[in-house]
Amino acid sequence: MDAVRVALLREVLAGTEWLGATRRFAGVLRGSVVSHGGGLLLVGTAVYEPWHLAAHLVDEAAWSGTPELAPTLVRHDARPCDPAHLAVGLGRIEAARRGETLLVASPSGDAPLLERVSAARRAGVLILSLGPGEGELTALSHETLAVPDGSELGLDTVQHLVSAAAGETLPPPRGRRRFGDRLAHLAERLTAPPPPPW
C-alpha cells in the first residue's frame, strides 16, 4: 500500500477511533526509539512474520529522517547463510536490554515467543504489541493496539496506518521556537518528498 492509498484510507476512517488509536500507538513507538537512539526489534510468530511492516518502517525511517524507526526483523527460522538483514534469529530477543523496544506484530502469541518476550520485559525492554488485544501477549505489553479477529480492519491494514503515523513529523511545541528549531523545520519541509498527485 503506497502513501496515496494510506491517505485515502485515512479519509475513509475519519471519525472512527482507528486514526487516533494508530497515531497514539505510533507516537509511543516513535518516542521510545527516538529517545533511546534506536534499538527497535520487530518480531511475529513462526507462521506470521511481519515482513511488510518491517519494509514500511524502513521506508518511513528514510522519508522522515528518523533512522531509529528502521527495525531489526527477528525471524523464527533465520539461518546464518541468509542475507544479513534476514539472518537475525530469536536469540536477539534474549540479548535485548533496557533502552531497546520490541514490537510484536502477531494475530496470536505462541508459547516459545511469549517466553522470550517475558524475559525481554524483565530485562527492561519496552514491549509493544499489535494483535488480538487479549491474552498473555497483551498482559506482557507496555502498550497494545488491539486488532481483534473480525474487526473492520485487519492486522495488515493497521500496520500500514501505524507505520505511516510513526513516520509523521511531530508538530513543533507551542510557544517561541529558537532559530535552530525554525531552521530545522524549514530544512525538513524542503527535503520532504513531494505531495502525491491528485
Foldseek 3Di string as FASTA:
>chain_A
DDPVVLVVVVVVCPPPCLLVLLLVLLVVVLVLQQVLVAAEEEAEDQVDFPPVLLVLQCVLCVQLVNVNSRYQGEHDPADPVDPPSRRHYLVVLLVAAASHEYEYEYQDDDDVVLVSLQNSVVRRYAYEYEYQCDDSSVVSHPYYDHDRPPDPDHSVSSSNSNSVSNSDDDDDDDDDDDPVVVVVVVVSVVSHDDDDDD
